[in-house]
């Protein structure tokens, strides 16, 4: 079935028993988000909230809650869309097999956006305050849009084919925003809208922006797709929806998506900023309050019987994990087409996506070298860390294709493969005083931190420990060592206070482990606040270790040394404790958790979920 609207999509899910209507009144202040999180954790259905307190509009969430449901939504268009993306990534294929791709090309032409003469008559003007004011986490600065499609045009090349449609955070209320007149926009300057704003600023003009919310699910997905050069988000939206993206311009020259449920139009003026945040984000912590661009609201439109879609982000996995899985289904691994020699790149969801990358490349520089060592993969690593969103990573573990098969998506096996082969005296490479994710507070300031490359290639160098050597129970200042997985030990220490404290702790570790015959078997040691939690599962380890550390400041080594400005060691020590400058983790309100139980009692909307999921 092709979905002409969000309601079409939700009715389709309901017919196939993938949606439940929540008919009871529900508070958009924390309750809706808490209920979403609980149902997502159950791997439950999409939710349609029919009685949102304080708003006449319905709301929906968990639409893309798992990969199976996401693929179901696009079951009639996904294969053709995959073909077109593959063709754009590898146009030489069309030259070799022109007739094979004839229908694919016709599909792409049919997907070109369609301009209408007038805004649809079923749109009415509303105010920002009429929209469901959904606050997701207790410390959030106000209500946010979490599934926006933010549209902007290039002031030098106007028109949809050079436009950008992106999913950027939008704060609807709170802080110092004038209600119904101002909203906050959170994005990074290298993103599409940031480039457009820079050009508008250069001409001293405001940037016209339209925010679309809702519409066919393909429109939402198009705002987050990493598309090959020359394939616009709006053409992609038409491809995946099986129906052209329809749009018009209002009398002020602002783009209006004819199929969106809501449209907010306005202007971003040069140097016009206000504090935005805090916001509970996808790393599992709050992003804090910082000055970000301000959008002055011009008009707000809502379709008749419109529905407000939302999601809740937090420590992975969440619904945005399913987005990532679906993107991978559609694009395959697009990076190899962009960076020759790269076979796989995997942004590790459990570590918050951006902090940690696993990659596989080729190693062709010295085919007859013995022993083998990383060479080509070091140049590939720099290409990876300089490419788009991948540039936000802090840790990159990279190896090369060899006789033993390895996959970046088998995370435990991949880490084990790296640790068995890495020469820690040679194969650690740092980039200091560089950029990291705006949402990551482990660094030295906003967007500021460091990166490290773990490059491993060649024959196995060590057998990894599968139990904790006794020496780890006897280290002064430490307690409760736990085996995370072969070769990785988490050990507990007192709360982080200062770098001077760490220097003393490293002296204890060095004295105990420096000459230990077991050191080679345990190449990674992680200092944590709670060793039991960290070692409970791989997901906990990945989250704690790579979201709470800054490589240049928090990586230490046993038997460490400098040689010709290169740093190496015999075992890596990562201090993954919470630091005073870190943002607080996301913790739900226990009272709200108790309140939402009313939706699961006998006779309530979600009562059947208690036993089914």
Protein backbone atom coordinates (compact mmCIF):
# COMPACT_ATOMS: atom_id res chain seq x y z
CA UNK A 1 0.00 0.00 0.00
CA UNK A 2 1.22 3.51 -0.84
CA UNK A 3 0.65 6.05 1.92
CA UNK A 4 -0.65 9.45 0.87
CA UNK A 5 -0.58 10.76 4.44
CA UNK A 6 0.50 9.92 7.96
CA UNK A 7 -3.05 8.80 8.74
CA UNK A 8 -2.94 6.38 5.78
CA UNK A 9 0.21 4.93 7.27
CA UNK A 10 -1.24 4.56 10.76
CA UNK A 11 -4.45 2.95 9.48
CA UNK A 12 -2.31 0.49 7.51
CA UNK A 13 -0.41 -0.40 10.69
CA UNK A 14 -3.65 -0.75 12.63
CA UNK A 15 -5.17 -3.13 10.06
CA UNK A 16 -2.08 -5.28 10.40
CA UNK A 17 -2.17 -5.22 14.22
CA UNK A 18 0.94 -3.03 14.48
CA UNK A 19 -0.74 -0.05 16.16
CA UNK A 20 -2.79 0.58 19.29
CA UNK A 21 -4.92 3.65 19.96
CA UNK A 22 -4.44 5.27 23.37
CA UNK A 23 -7.85 6.75 24.12
CA UNK A 24 -7.33 7.94 27.70
CA UNK A 25 -6.21 11.53 28.42
CA UNK A 26 -2.43 11.75 28.59
CA UNK A 27 -0.13 14.58 29.63
CA UNK A 28 2.44 15.69 27.02
CA UNK A 29 4.67 16.75 29.92
CA UNK A 30 6.80 13.57 30.36
CA UNK A 31 3.91 11.04 30.30
CA UNK A 32 3.74 10.57 26.53
CA UNK A 33 7.50 10.10 26.28
CA UNK A 34 7.58 7.71 29.24
CA UNK A 35 4.80 5.59 27.72
CA UNK A 36 6.60 5.54 24.38
CA UNK A 37 9.83 4.38 26.04
CA UNK A 38 8.05 1.61 27.92
CA UNK A 39 6.28 0.31 24.81
CA UNK A 40 9.46 0.52 22.74
CA UNK A 41 11.32 -1.49 25.38
CA UNK A 42 8.61 -4.17 25.00
CA UNK A 43 9.19 -4.17 21.21
CA UNK A 44 5.57 -3.07 21.13
CA UNK A 45 3.39 -1.48 18.46
CA UNK A 46 3.06 2.05 17.17
CA UNK A 47 0.90 4.30 19.34
CA UNK A 48 -1.82 6.76 18.33
CA UNK A 49 -2.63 9.17 21.16
CA UNK A 50 -6.21 10.38 20.67
CA UNK A 51 -6.60 12.56 23.76
CA UNK A 52 -3.55 14.78 24.31
CA UNK A 53 -4.12 17.14 27.23
CA UNK A 54 -3.89 20.80 26.17
CA UNK A 55 -4.14 20.19 22.40
CA UNK A 56 -6.88 19.42 19.92
CA UNK A 57 -4.44 17.39 17.82
CA UNK A 58 -3.69 13.70 18.02
CA UNK A 59 -0.11 12.43 18.21
CA UNK A 60 1.67 9.25 17.14
CA UNK A 61 4.93 7.56 18.11
CA UNK A 62 6.96 4.37 17.68
CA UNK A 63 5.98 4.31 14.01
CA UNK A 64 9.47 3.09 13.00
CA UNK A 65 9.90 1.08 16.22
CA UNK A 66 11.79 -1.85 14.70
CA UNK A 67 13.30 -2.81 11.36
CA UNK A 68 10.51 -5.25 10.53
CA UNK A 69 7.84 -2.56 10.92
CA UNK A 70 9.93 0.05 9.08
CA UNK A 71 10.40 -2.26 6.08
CA UNK A 72 6.70 -3.12 6.15
CA UNK A 73 5.82 0.56 5.70
CA UNK A 74 7.80 0.68 2.43
CA UNK A 75 7.16 -2.86 1.25
CA UNK A 76 5.98 -1.77 -2.21
CA UNK A 77 8.76 0.71 -3.00
CA UNK A 78 11.86 -0.38 -1.10
CA UNK A 79 13.40 -2.58 -3.83
CA UNK A 80 13.09 0.03 -6.58
CA UNK A 81 14.48 2.69 -4.24
CA UNK A 82 17.47 0.46 -3.43
CA UNK A 83 18.16 0.05 -7.15
CA UNK A 84 18.14 3.78 -7.79
CA UNK A 85 20.43 4.53 -4.84
CA UNK A 86 22.83 1.84 -6.05
CA UNK A 87 22.71 3.27 -9.56
CA UNK A 88 23.50 6.79 -8.33
CA UNK A 89 26.39 5.42 -6.28
CA UNK A 90 27.72 3.43 -9.26
CA UNK A 91 26.59 5.13 -12.51
CA UNK A 92 28.99 3.01 -14.57
CA UNK A 93 26.55 0.14 -14.01
CA UNK A 94 24.00 1.90 -16.24
CA UNK A 95 26.54 2.16 -19.04
CA UNK A 96 27.35 -1.54 -18.84
CA UNK A 97 23.71 -2.65 -18.60
CA UNK A 98 21.54 0.17 -20.03
CA UNK A 99 18.35 -1.83 -20.60
CA UNK A 100 18.45 -3.46 -17.19
CA UNK A 101 18.08 0.00 -15.60
CA UNK A 102 15.47 1.42 -17.96
CA UNK A 103 12.58 1.06 -15.51
CA UNK A 104 14.74 2.34 -12.69
CA UNK A 105 15.41 5.56 -14.60
CA UNK A 106 11.72 6.01 -15.39
CA UNK A 107 10.89 5.56 -11.71
CA UNK A 108 13.35 8.28 -10.80
CA UNK A 109 11.80 10.68 -13.33
CA UNK A 110 8.33 9.99 -11.94
CA UNK A 111 9.59 10.86 -8.48
CA UNK A 112 10.58 14.44 -9.32
CA UNK A 113 8.83 16.93 -6.99
CA UNK A 114 5.55 18.41 -8.23
CA UNK A 115 4.78 22.08 -7.71
CA UNK A 116 1.16 23.03 -7.05
CA UNK A 117 -0.37 26.41 -7.83
CA UNK A 118 -1.91 26.88 -4.40
CA UNK A 119 -1.63 25.68 -0.83
CA UNK A 120 -4.19 22.88 -0.27
CA UNK A 121 -7.54 24.17 0.97
CA UNK A 122 -7.54 21.73 3.91
CA UNK A 123 -4.74 23.71 5.63
CA UNK A 124 -5.63 26.12 8.42
CA UNK A 125 -3.48 28.56 10.38
CA UNK A 126 -2.73 27.75 14.01
CA UNK A 127 -0.21 28.83 16.67
CA UNK A 128 2.86 27.03 18.04
CA UNK A 129 1.07 26.64 21.39
CA UNK A 130 -1.74 24.65 19.69
CA UNK A 131 0.74 21.87 18.86
CA UNK A 132 1.14 19.06 21.45
CA UNK A 133 3.84 20.41 23.78
CA UNK A 134 5.73 17.18 24.33
CA UNK A 135 8.50 17.35 26.92
CA UNK A 136 10.57 14.17 26.83
CA UNK A 137 12.97 14.14 29.80
CA UNK A 138 12.73 15.84 33.23
CA UNK A 139 15.56 18.33 32.64
CA UNK A 140 14.56 19.27 29.07
CA UNK A 141 14.35 23.01 28.51
CA UNK A 142 10.87 22.80 27.00
CA UNK A 143 8.93 21.02 24.28
CA UNK A 144 10.84 19.84 21.20
CA UNK A 145 10.08 18.56 17.70
CA UNK A 146 11.89 15.24 17.36
CA UNK A 147 10.82 14.22 13.82
CA UNK A 148 11.08 17.49 11.86
CA UNK A 149 11.80 17.87 8.16
CA UNK A 150 13.62 21.21 8.04
CA UNK A 151 13.58 22.73 4.55
CA UNK A 152 15.87 25.50 3.31
CA UNK A 153 16.97 26.71 -0.11
CA UNK A 154 20.32 27.91 -1.43
CA UNK A 155 20.01 31.68 -1.77
CA UNK A 156 22.31 31.56 -4.82
CA UNK A 157 20.53 28.62 -6.47
CA UNK A 158 16.87 28.75 -5.41
CA UNK A 159 14.53 25.87 -6.13
CA UNK A 160 13.86 22.41 -4.77
CA UNK A 161 16.60 20.54 -6.60
CA UNK A 162 19.27 22.51 -4.72
CA UNK A 163 17.33 22.62 -1.46
CA UNK A 164 18.17 20.79 1.75
CA UNK A 165 15.77 18.72 3.81
CA UNK A 166 17.33 17.73 7.12
CA UNK A 167 16.31 16.52 10.55
CA UNK A 168 17.58 19.10 13.01
CA UNK A 169 16.47 19.60 16.59
CA UNK A 170 13.75 22.24 17.08
CA UNK A 171 12.78 23.69 20.48
CA UNK A 172 9.19 24.91 20.51
CA UNK A 173 8.97 26.46 23.97
CA UNK A 174 10.83 27.34 27.14
CA UNK A 175 14.03 29.27 27.83
CA UNK A 176 13.83 32.89 26.63
CA UNK A 177 11.81 32.22 23.48
CA UNK A 178 8.86 34.55 22.98
CA UNK A 179 5.87 32.14 22.95
CA UNK A 180 4.39 31.59 19.48
CA UNK A 181 6.93 33.98 17.93
CA UNK A 182 10.33 32.31 18.33
CA UNK A 183 11.66 28.76 18.27
CA UNK A 184 15.19 27.35 18.57
CA UNK A 185 17.14 25.54 15.85
CA UNK A 186 20.02 23.23 16.78
CA UNK A 187 22.34 22.22 13.95
CA UNK A 188 26.02 22.14 13.06
CA UNK A 189 27.48 24.65 10.62
CA UNK A 190 28.67 21.99 8.15
CA UNK A 191 25.16 20.60 7.68
CA UNK A 192 23.06 21.61 4.66
CA UNK A 193 21.05 24.28 6.44
CA UNK A 194 24.24 25.68 7.99
CA UNK A 195 25.74 26.14 4.51
CA UNK A 196 22.55 27.89 3.37
CA UNK A 197 22.56 30.13 6.43
CA UNK A 198 26.20 31.05 5.83
CA UNK A 199 25.39 32.18 2.28
CA UNK A 200 22.39 34.19 3.45
CA UNK A 201 24.46 35.76 6.21
CA UNK A 202 27.07 36.77 3.64
CA UNK A 203 24.42 38.75 1.79
CA UNK A 204 23.00 40.20 5.00
CA UNK A 205 19.64 38.50 4.39
CA UNK A 206 17.52 36.23 6.58
CA UNK A 207 17.24 32.58 5.57
CA UNK A 208 13.70 31.43 4.85
CA UNK A 209 12.98 28.12 6.55
CA UNK A 210 10.01 25.77 6.51
CA UNK A 211 9.60 22.93 9.00
CA UNK A 212 7.41 20.06 7.81
CA UNK A 213 6.09 17.58 10.38
CA UNK A 214 4.23 14.41 9.47
CA UNK A 215 3.06 13.46 6.02
CA UNK A 216 3.90 10.08 4.45
CA UNK A 217 6.58 8.24 6.46
CA UNK A 218 8.90 8.44 3.44
CA UNK A 219 9.13 12.19 3.95
CA UNK A 220 10.33 11.77 7.52
CA UNK A 221 12.94 9.20 6.51
CA UNK A 222 14.17 11.36 3.63
CA UNK A 223 15.28 14.04 6.10
CA UNK A 224 17.89 11.70 7.63
CA UNK A 225 19.07 9.80 4.55
CA UNK A 226 22.77 10.00 3.52
CA UNK A 227 22.12 10.21 -0.20
CA UNK A 228 24.59 9.93 -3.10
CA UNK A 229 25.56 13.13 -4.91
CA UNK A 230 22.83 14.32 -7.26
CA UNK A 231 19.89 12.61 -5.57
CA UNK A 232 17.90 15.20 -3.64
CA UNK A 233 16.02 14.40 -0.44
CA UNK A 234 12.75 15.47 -2.04
CA UNK A 235 13.23 13.18 -5.04
CA UNK A 236 14.11 10.37 -2.65
CA UNK A 237 10.92 11.12 -0.68
CA UNK A 238 8.92 10.65 -3.88
CA UNK A 239 10.73 7.41 -4.74
CA UNK A 240 10.13 5.81 -1.37
CA UNK A 241 6.58 7.10 -1.04
CA UNK A 242 5.69 5.93 -4.55
CA UNK A 243 4.18 9.38 -5.10
CA UNK A 244 5.77 12.69 -6.09
CA UNK A 245 6.61 15.14 -3.33
CA UNK A 246 3.94 17.84 -3.72
CA UNK A 247 4.64 21.39 -2.66
CA UNK A 248 3.57 25.01 -3.10
CA UNK A 249 4.77 28.42 -2.01
CA UNK A 250 2.66 30.74 0.13
CA UNK A 251 2.33 34.45 -0.51
CA UNK A 252 5.53 35.12 1.44
CA UNK A 253 7.59 32.74 -0.70
CA UNK A 254 7.87 29.99 1.94
CA UNK A 255 7.75 26.36 0.80
CA UNK A 256 4.77 24.33 1.97
CA UNK A 257 4.71 20.53 1.79
CA UNK A 258 1.19 19.75 0.55
CA UNK A 259 1.15 16.37 2.31
CA UNK A 260 2.62 17.40 5.66
CA UNK A 261 0.41 17.41 8.73
CA UNK A 262 2.01 20.61 10.05
CA UNK A 263 4.16 23.33 8.51
CA UNK A 264 6.01 26.04 10.45
CA UNK A 265 7.50 28.89 8.40
CA UNK A 266 9.89 31.60 9.49
CA UNK A 267 13.26 33.29 9.17
CA UNK A 268 16.72 32.82 10.64
CA UNK A 269 18.47 36.19 10.83
CA UNK A 270 22.26 36.68 10.80
CA UNK A 271 23.82 36.43 14.28
CA UNK A 272 20.37 36.07 15.91
CA UNK A 273 20.80 33.44 18.64
CA UNK A 274 19.29 32.49 21.98
CA UNK A 275 20.04 29.73 24.51
CA UNK A 276 18.72 26.32 23.35
CA UNK A 277 18.42 23.18 25.51
CA UNK A 278 18.91 21.20 27.64
CA UNK A 279 17.66 18.19 25.70
CA UNK A 280 17.86 14.47 26.47
CA UNK A 281 19.88 13.19 23.54
CA UNK A 282 20.85 10.00 21.72
CA UNK A 283 24.12 9.49 23.61
CA UNK A 284 22.12 8.83 26.78
CA UNK A 285 22.94 12.19 28.38
CA UNK A 286 21.55 15.71 28.23
CA UNK A 287 22.99 18.15 25.76
CA UNK A 288 23.20 21.35 27.75
CA UNK A 289 22.15 24.94 27.13
CA UNK A 290 24.14 26.78 24.44
CA UNK A 291 23.41 29.65 22.04
CA UNK A 292 21.99 28.40 18.75
CA UNK A 293 20.18 30.05 15.83
CA UNK A 294 16.77 31.53 16.45
CA UNK A 295 13.89 31.14 14.03
CA UNK A 296 11.31 33.91 14.03
CA UNK A 297 7.98 32.28 13.32
CA UNK A 298 5.92 33.70 10.48
CA UNK A 299 3.01 31.29 10.00
CA UNK A 300 2.03 27.85 11.30
CA UNK A 301 -0.28 25.58 9.30
CA UNK A 302 -2.08 22.34 10.16
CA UNK A 303 -3.99 20.01 7.86
CA UNK A 304 -7.53 19.03 8.72
CA UNK A 305 -7.44 16.05 11.16
CA UNK A 306 -3.67 16.28 11.37
CA UNK A 307 -1.52 14.03 13.58
CA UNK A 308 1.69 15.09 15.35
CA UNK A 309 4.42 12.40 15.02
CA UNK A 310 7.22 12.22 17.58
CA UNK A 311 9.91 9.94 18.90
CA UNK A 312 12.02 9.86 22.04
CA UNK A 313 15.80 9.67 21.91
CA UNK A 314 17.98 8.45 24.74
CA UNK A 315 20.59 5.85 25.49
CA UNK A 316 20.55 3.38 22.58
CA UNK A 317 18.79 1.35 21.44
CA UNK A 318 15.81 3.61 20.76
CA UNK A 319 13.52 4.14 17.80
CA UNK A 320 16.28 6.01 15.94
CA UNK A 321 18.21 2.71 15.99
CA UNK A 322 15.55 1.33 13.63
CA UNK A 323 16.08 4.40 11.42
CA UNK A 324 19.75 3.48 11.18
CA UNK A 325 18.97 -0.14 10.39
CA UNK A 326 16.54 0.88 7.66
CA UNK A 327 19.04 3.32 6.15
CA UNK A 328 21.58 0.49 5.98
CA UNK A 329 18.98 -1.70 4.25
CA UNK A 330 18.35 1.00 1.66
CA UNK A 331 21.88 2.13 0.97
CA UNK A 332 23.89 -0.98 1.78
CA UNK A 333 27.22 0.37 2.88
CA UNK A 334 27.48 3.62 0.91
CA UNK A 335 30.91 4.57 2.28
CA UNK A 336 32.89 2.13 0.05
CA UNK A 337 31.57 3.98 -3.00
CA UNK A 338 32.73 7.28 -1.49
CA UNK A 339 36.12 6.11 -0.17
CA UNK A 340 37.87 3.57 -2.44
CA UNK A 341 39.56 0.86 -0.42
CA UNK A 342 37.07 0.96 2.45
CA UNK A 343 34.99 -2.22 2.70
CA UNK A 344 32.83 -1.49 5.76
CA UNK A 345 32.22 1.28 8.28
CA UNK A 346 29.95 0.65 11.24
CA UNK A 347 28.93 3.45 13.62
CA UNK A 348 28.31 1.52 16.84
CA UNK A 349 24.80 2.23 18.07
CA UNK A 350 25.39 1.04 21.64
CA UNK A 351 28.12 3.67 22.03
CA UNK A 352 25.82 6.49 20.89
CA UNK A 353 26.66 6.09 17.16
CA UNK A 354 29.10 9.00 16.76
CA UNK A 355 31.75 8.27 19.41
CA UNK A 356 32.83 4.85 18.08
CA UNK A 357 33.48 3.51 14.57
CA UNK A 358 34.52 0.02 13.46
CA UNK A 359 35.95 -0.21 9.94
CA UNK A 360 37.50 -2.64 7.48
CA UNK A 361 39.70 -1.52 4.61
CA UNK A 362 42.19 -2.98 2.18
CA UNK A 363 45.93 -3.37 2.74
CA UNK A 364 47.68 -3.30 -0.62
CA UNK A 365 50.75 -1.15 -0.04
CA UNK A 366 53.15 -3.96 0.84
CA UNK A 367 51.62 -7.25 -0.32
CA UNK A 368 54.76 -9.24 0.43
CA UNK A 369 55.66 -7.57 3.71
CA UNK A 370 56.53 -9.90 6.54
CA UNK A 371 55.45 -9.37 9.20
CA UNK A 372 52.28 -7.63 8.05
CA UNK A 373 51.47 -4.27 9.57
CA UNK A 374 48.95 -1.43 9.09
CA UNK A 375 49.86 0.94 6.26
CA UNK A 376 47.10 1.57 3.73
CA UNK A 377 44.44 1.37 6.44
CA UNK A 378 46.10 4.34 8.16
CA UNK A 379 45.48 6.53 5.11
CA UNK A 380 41.95 5.16 4.90
CA UNK A 381 41.42 5.97 8.56
CA UNK A 382 42.17 9.62 7.90
CA UNK A 383 39.73 9.62 4.99
CA UNK A 384 37.04 8.09 7.19
CA UNK A 385 37.57 10.63 9.97
CA UNK A 386 37.33 13.44 7.42
CA UNK A 387 34.06 12.31 5.85
CA UNK A 388 30.70 13.85 6.78
CA UNK A 389 29.14 12.67 10.00
CA UNK A 390 31.97 10.16 10.49
CA UNK A 391 34.19 13.13 11.35
CA UNK A 392 32.36 13.35 14.70
CA UNK A 393 33.88 10.05 15.91
CA UNK A 394 36.43 9.86 18.72
CA UNK A 395 37.49 6.21 18.46
CA UNK A 396 38.14 4.33 15.22
CA UNK A 397 39.06 0.64 15.29
CA UNK A 398 40.18 -0.43 11.82
CA UNK A 399 41.59 -3.57 10.24
CA UNK A 400 41.94 -4.95 6.73
CA UNK A 401 40.43 -7.85 4.84
CA UNK A 402 42.61 -10.90 5.34
CA UNK A 403 42.34 -14.68 5.19
CA UNK A 404 40.09 -14.80 8.29
CA UNK A 405 36.62 -13.34 7.66
CA UNK A 406 35.58 -10.55 10.01
CA UNK A 407 32.53 -8.25 10.18
CA UNK A 408 32.21 -4.86 11.85
CA UNK A 409 28.61 -5.67 12.74
CA UNK A 410 29.64 -8.61 14.93
CA UNK A 411 30.92 -6.22 17.54
CA UNK A 412 32.34 -8.59 20.14
CA UNK A 413 34.11 -10.70 17.52
CA UNK A 414 35.47 -7.60 15.80
CA UNK A 415 36.91 -6.16 19.02
CA UNK A 416 38.46 -9.53 19.84
CA UNK A 417 40.02 -9.70 16.35
CA UNK A 418 41.56 -6.24 16.80
CA UNK A 419 42.88 -6.89 20.31
CA UNK A 420 44.47 -10.20 19.26
CA UNK A 421 46.48 -8.46 16.53
CA UNK A 422 47.19 -4.90 17.59
CA UNK A 423 50.73 -3.84 18.41
CA UNK A 424 50.06 -1.18 21.04
CA UNK A 425 53.61 0.12 20.79
CA UNK A 426 53.11 0.94 17.11
CA UNK A 427 49.44 0.98 16.16
CA UNK A 428 47.84 3.78 18.20
CA UNK A 429 47.53 7.11 16.38
CA UNK A 430 46.09 10.25 18.00
CA UNK A 431 44.57 13.46 16.67
CA UNK A 432 44.45 16.07 19.41
CA UNK A 433 42.72 19.46 19.70
CA UNK A 434 40.19 18.56 17.03
CA UNK A 435 36.43 18.38 16.57
CA UNK A 436 33.95 15.92 18.03
CA UNK A 437 30.17 15.76 18.25
CA UNK A 438 28.41 18.84 19.66
CA UNK A 439 26.38 16.48 21.85
CA UNK A 440 29.45 14.82 23.39
CA UNK A 441 30.64 16.48 26.61
CA UNK A 442 33.63 14.22 27.24
CA UNK A 443 35.99 16.62 25.45
CA UNK A 444 37.59 19.93 26.30
CA UNK A 445 34.70 22.15 25.19
CA UNK A 446 31.73 22.37 22.84
CA UNK A 447 32.67 20.46 19.65
CA UNK A 448 36.26 20.15 20.97
CA UNK A 449 38.12 16.96 21.84
CA UNK A 450 40.39 14.36 20.31
CA UNK A 451 40.44 11.16 18.28
CA UNK A 452 42.42 7.94 18.30
CA UNK A 453 42.87 5.23 15.69
CA UNK A 454 43.38 1.61 16.77
CA UNK A 455 44.83 0.02 13.60
CA UNK A 456 45.44 -3.73 13.60
CA UNK A 457 46.52 -5.96 10.74
CA UNK A 458 48.54 -9.11 10.48
CA UNK A 459 48.99 -12.33 12.35
CA UNK A 460 47.60 -12.95 15.82
CA UNK A 461 50.02 -11.67 18.46
CA UNK A 462 48.41 -12.82 21.70
CA UNK A 463 45.91 -15.10 23.37
CA UNK A 464 43.44 -12.92 25.26
CA UNK A 465 42.73 -13.60 28.91
CA UNK A 466 39.43 -15.35 29.59
CA UNK A 467 39.62 -14.98 33.34
CA UNK A 468 40.96 -12.27 35.62
CA UNK A 469 44.60 -12.74 36.68
CA UNK A 470 45.05 -12.63 40.47
CA UNK A 471 47.26 -9.55 40.26
CA UNK A 472 44.18 -7.41 39.45
CA UNK A 473 42.71 -8.15 42.89
CA UNK A 474 45.79 -6.71 44.60
CA UNK A 475 46.12 -3.23 43.04
CA UNK A 476 46.06 -0.41 45.57
CA UNK A 477 43.20 2.07 45.14
CA UNK A 478 41.18 -0.30 42.92
CA UNK A 479 38.60 -3.00 43.57
CA UNK A 480 36.11 -5.36 41.96
CA UNK A 481 37.83 -6.26 38.66
CA UNK A 482 35.39 -7.75 36.15
CA UNK A 483 36.01 -9.49 32.83
CA UNK A 484 34.03 -7.67 30.14
CA UNK A 485 35.09 -10.05 27.35
CA UNK A 486 38.36 -11.77 26.44
CA UNK A 487 41.17 -9.25 26.78
CA UNK A 488 39.15 -6.45 28.43
CA UNK A 489 38.96 -5.92 32.20
CA UNK A 490 36.85 -3.28 33.96
CA UNK A 491 38.15 -2.23 37.35
CA UNK A 492 36.49 0.06 39.85
CA UNK A 493 38.04 3.15 41.45
CA UNK A 494 36.86 6.04 43.57
CA UNK A 495 35.06 8.92 41.88
CA UNK A 496 37.14 11.06 39.54
CA UNK A 497 38.40 14.26 41.15
CA UNK A 498 41.45 15.51 39.24
CA UNK A 499 44.23 14.64 36.82
CA UNK A 500 46.61 14.53 39.80
CA UNK A 501 44.51 11.74 41.28
CA UNK A 502 44.73 9.82 37.99
CA UNK A 503 48.52 10.19 37.98
CA UNK A 504 48.69 8.52 41.40
CA UNK A 505 46.31 5.76 40.31
CA UNK A 506 48.42 5.09 37.22
CA UNK A 507 51.47 4.68 39.47
CA UNK A 508 49.60 1.95 41.35
CA UNK A 509 48.62 0.23 38.10
CA UNK A 510 52.14 0.53 36.71
CA UNK A 511 53.70 -0.92 39.87
CA UNK A 512 51.31 -3.87 39.93
CA UNK A 513 51.12 -4.67 36.21
CA UNK A 514 54.29 -3.31 34.62
CA UNK A 515 56.23 -6.58 34.94
CA UNK A 516 53.26 -8.93 35.07
CA UNK A 517 53.51 -11.95 32.74
CA UNK A 518 49.73 -11.61 32.22
CA UNK A 519 49.88 -8.07 30.87
CA UNK A 520 50.06 -9.10 27.21
CA UNK A 521 46.87 -11.15 27.62
CA UNK A 522 44.92 -8.16 28.98
CA UNK A 523 45.58 -5.33 26.46
CA UNK A 524 42.64 -3.13 27.53
CA UNK A 525 41.84 -2.03 31.08
CA UNK A 526 38.92 0.31 31.75
CA UNK A 527 38.63 2.33 34.97
CA UNK A 528 34.96 2.77 35.86
CA UNK A 529 32.62 3.91 38.61
CA UNK A 530 30.68 0.62 38.62
CA UNK A 531 32.47 -2.46 37.32
CA UNK A 532 29.47 -4.76 37.72
CA UNK A 533 27.30 -2.51 35.53
CA UNK A 534 30.04 -2.06 32.91
CA UNK A 535 30.73 -5.78 32.59
CA UNK A 536 27.09 -6.90 32.73
CA UNK A 537 26.87 -6.92 28.92
CA UNK A 538 28.72 -5.63 25.87
CA UNK A 539 26.22 -2.81 25.39
CA UNK A 540 26.96 -1.38 28.84
CA UNK A 541 30.71 -1.59 28.21
CA UNK A 542 30.48 0.19 24.86
CA UNK A 543 28.26 2.94 26.26
CA UNK A 544 30.29 3.60 29.40
CA UNK A 545 33.73 3.40 27.81
CA UNK A 546 33.27 5.41 24.65
CA UNK A 547 30.80 8.09 25.78
CA UNK A 548 32.69 8.94 29.01
CA UNK A 549 36.23 9.31 27.70
CA UNK A 550 38.28 11.75 25.65
CA UNK A 551 41.21 9.84 24.06
CA UNK A 552 43.90 12.47 24.58
CA UNK A 553 43.02 13.04 28.24
CA UNK A 554 41.57 9.72 29.38
CA UNK A 555 43.77 7.15 27.64
CA UNK A 556 46.83 6.04 29.59
CA UNK A 557 49.18 3.11 29.27
CA UNK A 558 51.13 0.51 31.18
CA UNK A 559 54.84 0.79 30.26
CA UNK A 560 53.98 3.82 28.12
CA UNK A 561 56.66 5.72 26.20
CA UNK A 562 57.28 8.41 23.59
CA UNK A 563 59.52 7.87 20.60
CA UNK A 564 59.82 10.48 17.85
CA UNK A 565 56.55 11.99 19.06
CA UNK A 566 54.78 8.65 18.84
CA UNK A 567 53.09 7.32 21.99
CA UNK A 568 52.83 3.61 22.69
CA UNK A 569 52.35 1.19 25.57
CA UNK A 570 51.96 -2.48 26.46
CA UNK A 571 48.36 -2.20 27.67
CA UNK A 572 45.83 0.60 27.19
CA UNK A 573 44.07 2.06 30.23
CA UNK A 574 40.90 4.08 29.51
CA UNK A 575 39.49 6.20 32.33
CA UNK A 576 35.73 5.92 31.70
CA UNK A 577 34.54 7.39 34.97
CA UNK A 578 32.08 10.26 35.06
CA UNK A 579 33.99 13.57 35.12
CA UNK A 580 32.80 16.88 36.60
CA UNK A 581 32.46 18.47 33.14
CA UNK A 582 30.29 15.67 31.74
CA UNK A 583 26.59 16.20 31.08
CA UNK A 584 24.19 14.35 33.39
CA UNK A 585 22.77 11.00 32.23
CA UNK A 586 19.11 10.60 31.34
CA UNK A 587 17.03 9.33 34.26
CA UNK A 588 13.26 9.03 34.08
CA UNK A 589 10.98 10.54 36.71
CA UNK A 590 9.88 7.67 39.03
CA UNK A 591 6.52 9.34 39.74
CA UNK A 592 5.75 9.55 36.02
CA UNK A 593 6.84 5.92 35.63
CA UNK A 594 4.29 4.98 38.26
CA UNK A 595 1.56 7.15 36.71
CA UNK A 596 1.73 5.51 33.28
CA UNK A 597 0.97 2.09 34.73
CA UNK A 598 -2.69 3.12 34.47
CA UNK A 599 -2.53 2.49 30.71
CA UNK A 600 -1.75 -1.21 31.28
CA UNK A 601 -4.42 -2.19 33.83
CA UNK A 602 -7.33 -4.38 32.77
CA UNK A 603 -9.66 -2.49 30.45
CA UNK A 604 -7.12 0.22 29.61
CA UNK A 605 -5.82 0.86 26.10
CA UNK A 606 -2.58 -1.07 26.53
CA UNK A 607 -3.78 -3.87 28.80
CA UNK A 608 -3.10 -6.57 26.21
CA UNK A 609 0.58 -5.62 26.04
CA UNK A 610 1.25 -6.94 29.54
CA UNK A 611 1.12 -10.54 28.36
CA UNK A 612 1.83 -10.29 24.64
CA UNK A 613 5.15 -8.44 24.70
